[in-house]
Amino acid sequence: MAASICASFNDDIVMDILARLPVKTLLRFKSVSKPLLSLITNPKFISSHLRQSTKNSSLVFHFSHDEFPIAMLYYTEPTTLHVAHIPSSMKDYSFKPRIHIKGSCGGLLYMELHFGCCVFHYGLWNPATRQFKKVEEPRQCINLFSEGFCHNTKINDYKLVRTGYFLYPATLRTCYDRRRVDSVVRALVFSWKTDSWRTVEDGALLDGYFSDPVTVKGDLYWKVCVEGNLADEELVLAFDSSNDVFRRIELPGLNQSNPSYTTTITEFKDSLGLFVFLEYSLNSGFDFWVLNESRTGGNMRCWSRLLTVGTLSKIGRPISAWRCKIILKNLKGENSFFLYDPISQEITDVPILSDEVYDYVETLASVDGTK
């Protein structure tokens, strides 16, 4: 029946209709007919479906619970949590792993799985299709500074990036305290497309204290605190995922006479955003800045202050922007969050005690890459 209906429309119309359907529904269509199977597994359709899914992103929460460590909060149901069940392919050693989400991008989750005290794996998980794949570790060991996961739609590739000092010998067979630590910061980059790692050397790489990564239009950004002789310096390190090139970006000029503020980077409407929050303020007010790199290549003059939020009815620290709303971590609750709408000034409590929160969209993309 579905196949005969689809046959009466041209491929573009069918693709547009199907691209708006959830993954669970599309997976059922795979067994309807060979033409539908061919369409749904077509890379062009998968990219089109992902673009539609991005318009209806959800939030993924990770929390310390042995039975259900991951839950989804959909935009259409902001007060209802949906448990994400762990697939059997993620299990090992006959018991469930302890899961730590390391990144979420393009519908795939990059995860760290602990099996006991010393045994752990890294993997890619598609919660919509329930596919899981273990990511093979690189042969080169690294004294890790930062880690990030991104999806570049231009080249249709997911990439995992690690930066730090290389350790020699390169393998894990030598005791850690007997290895030599290199003096040059390098990067290891994993490509989902080629299922392989490569080494990147770049003069923009640096040592420091790294924030959690942020993805903007397929590129990665970290806020880095670098120790100085007189004072610490904060800047942004960016990774261009199309060319595997790093660059540094200065932060806007802030009130250096007030050292109690904290800064947090986030994605905002395909641009890099920056929250500036006073840690010891009597209210939860903050400023929000946005970077425009199209003019002068990412220096201080590219930053503009977009928003100043005064006293809120609840005290929280802003951690991320999501669908024109701001996610704040409740400073008077145990790992709880709330959403703030700067236009309506409405506050919505998130019904979960969570350790971390990530943006998430559904995708048909396979964890096995395009090979």
Protein backbone atom coordinates (compact mmCIF):
# COMPACT_ATOMS: atom_id res chain seq x y z
CA MET A 1 0.00 0.00 0.00
CA ALA A 2 2.71 2.49 1.05
CA ALA A 3 4.80 1.51 -1.97
CA SER A 4 1.93 2.13 -4.41
CA ILE A 5 1.22 5.54 -2.85
CA CYS A 6 4.89 6.51 -3.13
CA ALA A 7 4.94 5.39 -6.77
CA SER A 8 2.34 8.05 -7.65
CA PHE A 9 4.70 10.88 -6.58
CA ASN A 10 8.10 11.85 -7.93
CA ASP A 11 11.20 11.11 -5.88
CA ASP A 12 11.69 14.69 -4.64
CA ILE A 13 8.20 14.86 -3.13
CA VAL A 14 8.56 11.42 -1.52
CA MET A 15 11.97 12.38 -0.12
CA ASP A 16 10.59 15.61 1.33
CA ILE A 17 7.68 13.82 3.01
CA LEU A 18 9.77 10.98 4.42
CA ALA A 19 12.50 13.36 5.65
CA ARG A 20 10.00 14.80 8.12
CA LEU A 21 9.22 11.45 9.74
CA PRO A 22 10.91 10.10 12.89
CA VAL A 23 13.63 7.47 12.54
CA LYS A 24 11.52 4.79 14.23
CA THR A 25 8.86 5.12 11.51
CA LEU A 26 11.40 5.13 8.68
CA LEU A 27 13.05 1.95 9.94
CA ARG A 28 9.70 0.18 9.56
CA PHE A 29 9.50 1.32 5.94
CA LYS A 30 12.75 -0.48 5.09
CA SER A 31 10.90 -3.77 4.72
CA VAL A 32 8.02 -2.35 2.62
CA SER A 33 9.76 -2.33 -0.75
CA LYS A 34 13.19 -2.25 -2.35
CA PRO A 35 12.69 1.30 -3.74
CA LEU A 36 11.86 2.59 -0.25
CA LEU A 37 14.82 0.75 1.23
CA SER A 38 17.10 2.26 -1.41
CA LEU A 39 15.74 5.75 -0.75
CA ILE A 40 15.98 5.59 3.05
CA THR A 41 19.56 4.30 2.96
CA ASN A 42 20.66 6.86 0.37
CA PRO A 43 23.32 9.26 1.80
CA LYS A 44 21.52 12.23 0.20
CA PHE A 45 18.28 11.31 1.97
CA ILE A 46 20.07 10.72 5.28
CA SER A 47 21.57 14.23 5.05
CA SER A 48 18.16 15.71 4.16
CA HIS A 49 16.52 13.93 7.11
CA LEU A 50 19.22 15.20 9.47
CA ARG A 51 18.61 18.80 8.33
CA GLN A 52 14.93 18.39 9.16
CA SER A 53 15.70 16.76 12.52
CA THR A 54 17.95 19.67 13.47
CA LYS A 55 14.86 21.92 13.48
CA ASN A 56 13.43 19.80 16.32
CA SER A 57 16.43 19.11 18.53
CA SER A 58 16.11 17.48 21.93
CA LEU A 59 18.17 17.47 25.10
CA VAL A 60 20.11 14.43 26.28
CA PHE A 61 20.73 14.11 30.01
CA HIS A 62 23.30 11.88 31.57
CA PHE A 63 22.97 10.99 35.22
CA SER A 64 24.41 8.50 37.68
CA HIS A 65 21.86 5.71 37.62
CA ASP A 66 22.80 2.10 37.04
CA GLU A 67 19.57 1.08 35.33
CA PHE A 68 18.79 4.07 33.05
CA PRO A 69 21.79 6.40 32.79
CA ILE A 70 20.51 8.40 29.79
CA ALA A 71 17.22 10.21 29.18
CA MET A 72 15.82 12.44 26.42
CA LEU A 73 13.80 15.63 26.81
CA TYR A 74 11.98 16.50 23.59
CA TYR A 75 11.18 20.10 22.66
CA THR A 76 7.55 19.21 21.98
CA GLU A 77 7.24 17.67 25.47
CA PRO A 78 9.38 19.89 27.75
CA THR A 79 8.18 18.24 30.96
CA THR A 80 8.35 14.54 29.96
CA LEU A 81 11.51 12.44 30.08
CA HIS A 82 12.06 9.50 27.74
CA VAL A 83 14.48 6.81 28.81
CA ALA A 84 17.10 5.71 26.26
CA HIS A 85 17.66 1.98 26.67
CA ILE A 86 21.17 0.61 26.28
CA PRO A 87 21.47 -1.85 23.35
CA SER A 88 22.89 -5.31 23.98
CA SER A 89 25.82 -4.57 21.63
CA MET A 90 27.06 -2.01 24.17
CA LYS A 91 27.41 -4.64 26.89
CA ASP A 92 30.57 -6.58 27.61
CA TYR A 93 31.86 -8.96 30.22
CA SER A 94 28.27 -10.06 30.91
CA PHE A 95 27.22 -6.87 32.69
CA LYS A 96 26.18 -3.30 31.88
CA PRO A 97 28.88 -0.67 31.65
CA ARG A 98 29.07 2.64 33.46
CA ILE A 99 28.44 5.21 30.74
CA HIS A 100 29.90 8.67 30.34
CA ILE A 101 28.76 10.80 27.39
CA LYS A 102 31.74 12.65 25.93
CA GLY A 103 29.94 14.42 23.09
CA SER A 104 26.77 14.63 21.01
CA CYS A 105 26.70 15.79 17.40
CA GLY A 106 24.78 15.02 14.22
CA GLY A 107 22.63 12.39 15.94
CA LEU A 108 25.54 10.26 17.23
CA LEU A 109 26.78 10.12 20.81
CA TYR A 110 30.46 9.66 21.55
CA MET A 111 30.71 7.64 24.76
CA GLU A 112 33.16 6.26 27.28
CA LEU A 113 32.17 2.88 28.72
CA HIS A 114 33.70 1.57 31.94
CA PHE A 115 33.72 -2.17 32.66
CA GLY A 116 35.11 -2.41 36.17
CA CYS A 117 38.07 -0.48 37.55
CA CYS A 118 40.52 -0.47 34.65
CA VAL A 119 38.69 -1.76 31.58
CA PHE A 120 37.04 0.84 29.37
CA HIS A 121 36.06 1.34 25.75
CA TYR A 122 35.12 4.30 23.58
CA GLY A 123 32.27 4.08 21.12
CA LEU A 124 29.72 5.74 18.86
CA TRP A 125 26.05 5.21 19.59
CA ASN A 126 22.99 6.12 17.55
CA PRO A 127 20.09 6.07 20.06
CA ALA A 128 17.49 6.34 17.27
CA THR A 129 18.66 3.22 15.38
CA ARG A 130 20.21 1.63 18.50
CA GLN A 131 23.45 0.97 16.63
CA PHE A 132 26.69 0.95 18.60
CA LYS A 133 30.26 0.67 17.44
CA LYS A 134 33.46 0.48 19.44
CA VAL A 135 36.07 3.04 18.35
CA GLU A 136 39.50 1.48 18.13
CA GLU A 137 42.08 3.37 20.16
CA PRO A 138 44.98 5.02 18.30
CA ARG A 139 48.38 3.34 18.52
CA GLN A 140 49.88 6.56 19.84
CA CYS A 141 49.30 7.22 23.55
CA ILE A 142 48.71 10.80 24.62
CA ASN A 143 48.80 12.84 27.82
CA LEU A 144 45.32 14.20 27.20
CA PHE A 145 44.49 17.92 27.47
CA SER A 146 41.24 18.09 25.56
CA GLU A 147 38.80 15.98 23.61
CA GLY A 148 35.98 16.85 21.25
CA PHE A 149 33.45 15.29 18.87
CA CYS A 150 31.98 17.06 15.83
CA HIS A 151 29.99 16.50 12.64
CA ASN A 152 30.84 18.35 9.43
CA THR A 153 27.93 18.33 6.96
CA LYS A 154 30.06 19.83 4.16
CA ILE A 155 32.32 16.79 3.96
CA ASN A 156 29.82 14.37 5.57
CA ASP A 157 32.18 13.23 8.29
CA TYR A 158 32.18 12.82 12.06
CA LYS A 159 35.49 13.54 13.76
CA LEU A 160 36.96 12.87 17.18
CA VAL A 161 39.80 15.17 18.26
CA ARG A 162 42.29 14.70 21.11
CA THR A 163 45.08 17.13 21.99
CA GLY A 164 48.03 16.77 24.36
CA TYR A 165 51.63 15.63 24.70
CA PHE A 166 52.54 12.35 23.03
CA LEU A 167 53.99 9.60 25.22
CA TYR A 168 56.89 7.38 24.16
CA PRO A 169 57.01 4.43 23.75
CA ALA A 170 53.74 4.96 21.94
CA THR A 171 51.95 1.79 23.05
CA LEU A 172 50.33 0.87 26.34
CA ARG A 173 52.78 -1.96 27.02
CA THR A 174 55.19 0.22 28.99
CA CYS A 175 54.48 1.39 32.53
CA TYR A 176 53.26 4.98 32.57
CA ASP A 177 56.01 6.28 34.85
CA ARG A 178 58.67 4.92 32.48
CA ARG A 179 57.44 6.79 29.41
CA ARG A 180 58.95 9.94 28.02
CA VAL A 181 56.57 12.87 27.59
CA ASP A 182 57.03 14.95 24.45
CA SER A 183 57.39 18.74 24.75
CA VAL A 184 55.25 19.60 21.70
CA VAL A 185 51.44 19.67 21.83
CA ARG A 186 49.94 17.59 19.03
CA ALA A 187 46.49 16.34 18.07
CA LEU A 188 45.05 12.95 17.15
CA VAL A 189 42.06 13.12 14.79
CA PHE A 190 39.70 10.19 14.14
CA SER A 191 37.59 10.17 10.96
CA TRP A 192 34.27 8.31 10.89
CA LYS A 193 34.53 8.22 7.09
CA THR A 194 37.87 6.41 6.95
CA ASP A 195 37.64 4.70 10.37
CA SER A 196 41.21 5.77 11.09
CA TRP A 197 43.35 8.12 13.19
CA ARG A 198 45.89 10.68 11.97
CA THR A 199 48.39 12.98 13.70
CA VAL A 200 48.07 16.75 13.33
CA GLU A 201 50.83 19.21 14.20
CA ASP A 202 49.80 22.87 14.41
CA GLY A 203 51.45 25.94 15.94
CA ALA A 204 48.11 27.12 17.35
CA LEU A 205 47.91 24.11 19.71
CA LEU A 206 48.73 24.93 23.32
CA ASP A 207 48.89 23.64 26.89
CA GLY A 208 46.32 24.77 29.44
CA TYR A 209 43.07 24.01 31.25
CA PHE A 210 40.37 23.20 28.69
CA SER A 211 36.62 23.63 28.99
CA ASP A 212 34.13 21.14 27.59
CA PRO A 213 34.03 21.48 23.79
CA VAL A 214 31.34 23.30 21.81
CA THR A 215 30.42 22.54 18.19
CA VAL A 216 29.46 25.34 15.79
CA LYS A 217 28.70 24.53 12.15
CA GLY A 218 30.82 21.38 12.36
CA ASP A 219 33.87 23.01 13.98
CA LEU A 220 35.07 22.52 17.56
CA TYR A 221 35.78 25.23 20.14
CA TRP A 222 37.33 25.07 23.60
CA LYS A 223 37.86 27.83 26.13
CA VAL A 224 41.44 27.51 27.40
CA CYS A 225 42.95 28.99 30.55
CA VAL A 226 46.70 29.45 30.11
CA GLU A 227 48.94 30.03 33.11
CA GLY A 228 51.00 33.23 32.90
CA ASN A 229 53.82 34.73 34.94
CA LEU A 230 51.68 37.59 36.24
CA ALA A 231 48.13 36.43 35.56
CA ASP A 232 46.26 33.63 33.82
CA GLU A 233 44.94 34.27 30.32
CA GLU A 234 41.75 32.94 28.75
CA LEU A 235 41.28 32.38 25.04
CA VAL A 236 39.40 30.12 22.62
CA LEU A 237 41.02 27.32 20.61
CA ALA A 238 39.09 26.41 17.45
CA PHE A 239 39.39 23.35 15.20
CA ASP A 240 38.40 23.57 11.53
CA SER A 241 37.07 20.08 10.82
CA SER A 242 37.15 20.55 7.04
CA ASN A 243 40.93 21.02 6.93
CA ASP A 244 42.06 19.71 10.36
CA VAL A 245 43.52 23.13 11.22
CA PHE A 246 43.55 24.89 14.61
CA ARG A 247 43.35 28.62 15.34
CA ARG A 248 43.25 30.86 18.43
CA ILE A 249 40.55 33.44 19.15
CA GLU A 250 40.78 36.21 21.75
CA LEU A 251 37.91 36.76 24.18
CA PRO A 252 36.20 40.16 24.38
CA GLY A 253 37.54 42.78 26.76
CA LEU A 254 35.86 42.14 30.10
CA ASN A 255 36.02 43.86 33.47
CA GLN A 256 39.37 42.59 34.68
CA SER A 257 38.94 44.48 37.99
CA ASN A 258 36.25 41.97 39.00
CA PRO A 259 37.94 38.54 39.04
CA SER A 260 34.91 36.69 40.38
CA TYR A 261 33.21 36.25 37.00
CA THR A 262 33.25 32.97 35.08
CA THR A 263 32.90 32.51 31.33
CA THR A 264 31.24 29.66 29.45
CA ILE A 265 31.14 29.17 25.67
CA THR A 266 28.12 27.79 23.82
CA GLU A 267 26.63 27.44 20.35
CA PHE A 268 24.04 30.06 19.40
CA LYS A 269 22.36 30.20 15.99
CA ASP A 270 25.42 28.88 14.13
CA SER A 271 27.75 31.26 16.00
CA LEU A 272 29.96 30.97 19.06
CA GLY A 273 28.41 32.49 22.18
CA LEU A 274 29.93 33.46 25.53
CA PHE A 275 28.21 33.69 28.90
CA VAL A 276 29.77 36.00 31.52
CA PHE A 277 28.42 35.21 35.00
CA LEU A 278 29.33 36.76 38.37
CA GLU A 279 29.99 33.82 40.69
CA TYR A 280 29.34 35.61 44.00
CA SER A 281 26.58 37.93 42.87
CA LEU A 282 23.37 38.14 44.92
CA ASN A 283 21.40 37.42 41.76
CA SER A 284 21.86 35.20 38.73
CA GLY A 285 22.32 37.99 36.19
CA PHE A 286 24.75 37.51 33.31
CA ASP A 287 25.88 38.94 29.97
CA PHE A 288 25.79 37.07 26.68
CA TRP A 289 28.26 37.80 23.87
CA VAL A 290 28.29 36.51 20.28
CA LEU A 291 31.28 36.10 17.95
CA ASN A 292 31.14 37.05 14.28
CA GLU A 293 34.19 35.58 12.57
CA SER A 294 33.23 36.70 9.07
CA ARG A 295 34.68 40.19 9.40
CA THR A 296 38.23 40.17 10.76
CA GLY A 297 39.02 36.52 11.38
CA GLY A 298 38.14 36.12 15.05
CA ASN A 299 39.86 38.89 17.04
CA MET A 300 38.35 41.01 19.83
CA ARG A 301 36.52 43.37 17.50
CA CYS A 302 34.33 40.50 16.31
CA TRP A 303 32.62 40.07 19.69
CA SER A 304 29.38 41.92 20.42
CA ARG A 305 27.28 41.87 23.58
CA LEU A 306 23.87 40.60 22.57
CA LEU A 307 22.04 40.32 25.87
CA THR A 308 22.20 41.37 29.52
CA VAL A 309 19.99 39.43 31.93
CA GLY A 310 19.26 40.96 35.31
CA THR A 311 17.94 39.33 38.47
CA LEU A 312 16.06 36.05 37.98
CA SER A 313 13.59 34.42 40.35
CA LYS A 314 15.97 31.45 40.60
CA ILE A 315 19.74 31.52 40.97
CA GLY A 316 21.51 29.55 38.27
CA ARG A 317 24.69 29.56 36.24
CA PRO A 318 24.17 29.65 32.43
CA ILE A 319 25.79 26.69 30.71
CA SER A 320 24.29 26.51 27.23
CA ALA A 321 21.84 27.99 24.71
CA TRP A 322 19.16 25.72 23.23
CA ARG A 323 16.46 26.70 20.72
CA CYS A 324 16.60 30.39 21.70
CA LYS A 325 16.38 29.43 25.37
CA ILE A 326 19.13 29.40 27.97
CA ILE A 327 19.93 26.33 30.07
CA LEU A 328 21.00 27.21 33.61
CA LYS A 329 22.35 24.93 36.30
CA ASN A 330 20.51 25.48 39.57
CA LEU A 331 23.00 26.68 42.18
CA LYS A 332 20.61 25.79 45.00
CA GLY A 333 19.81 22.27 43.85
CA GLU A 334 21.77 19.07 43.35
CA ASN A 335 22.65 18.93 39.64
CA SER A 336 19.26 20.24 38.54
CA PHE A 337 18.58 22.56 35.60
CA PHE A 338 16.02 25.07 34.39
CA LEU A 339 15.29 26.80 31.08
CA TYR A 340 15.03 30.57 30.73
CA ASP A 341 13.31 32.30 27.81
CA PRO A 342 14.88 35.78 27.48
CA ILE A 343 11.94 37.03 25.38
CA SER A 344 9.01 35.94 27.57
CA GLN A 345 11.23 35.77 30.71
CA GLU A 346 9.53 32.47 31.50
CA ILE A 347 11.37 29.87 33.60
CA THR A 348 10.77 26.12 33.09
CA ASP A 349 12.13 23.54 35.50
CA VAL A 350 13.77 20.48 33.97
CA PRO A 351 12.45 17.41 35.82
CA ILE A 352 15.74 15.61 36.35
CA LEU A 353 18.79 15.56 38.58
CA SER A 354 21.50 15.23 35.97
CA ASP A 355 25.27 15.41 35.78
CA GLU A 356 25.45 16.64 32.16
CA VAL A 357 23.21 17.90 29.35
CA TYR A 358 23.75 17.75 25.57
CA ASP A 359 21.91 18.83 22.44
CA TYR A 360 20.63 15.88 20.37
CA VAL A 361 18.88 15.27 17.04
CA GLU A 362 17.73 12.02 15.45
CA THR A 363 19.59 10.60 12.46
CA LEU A 364 19.64 7.55 10.21
CA ALA A 365 23.44 7.77 9.91
CA SER A 366 25.24 4.51 10.54
CA VAL A 367 27.89 4.31 13.23
CA ASP A 368 29.99 2.31 10.75
CA GLY A 369 30.74 5.27 8.49
CA THR A 370 30.33 5.44 4.72
CA LYS A 371 32.67 2.63 3.68
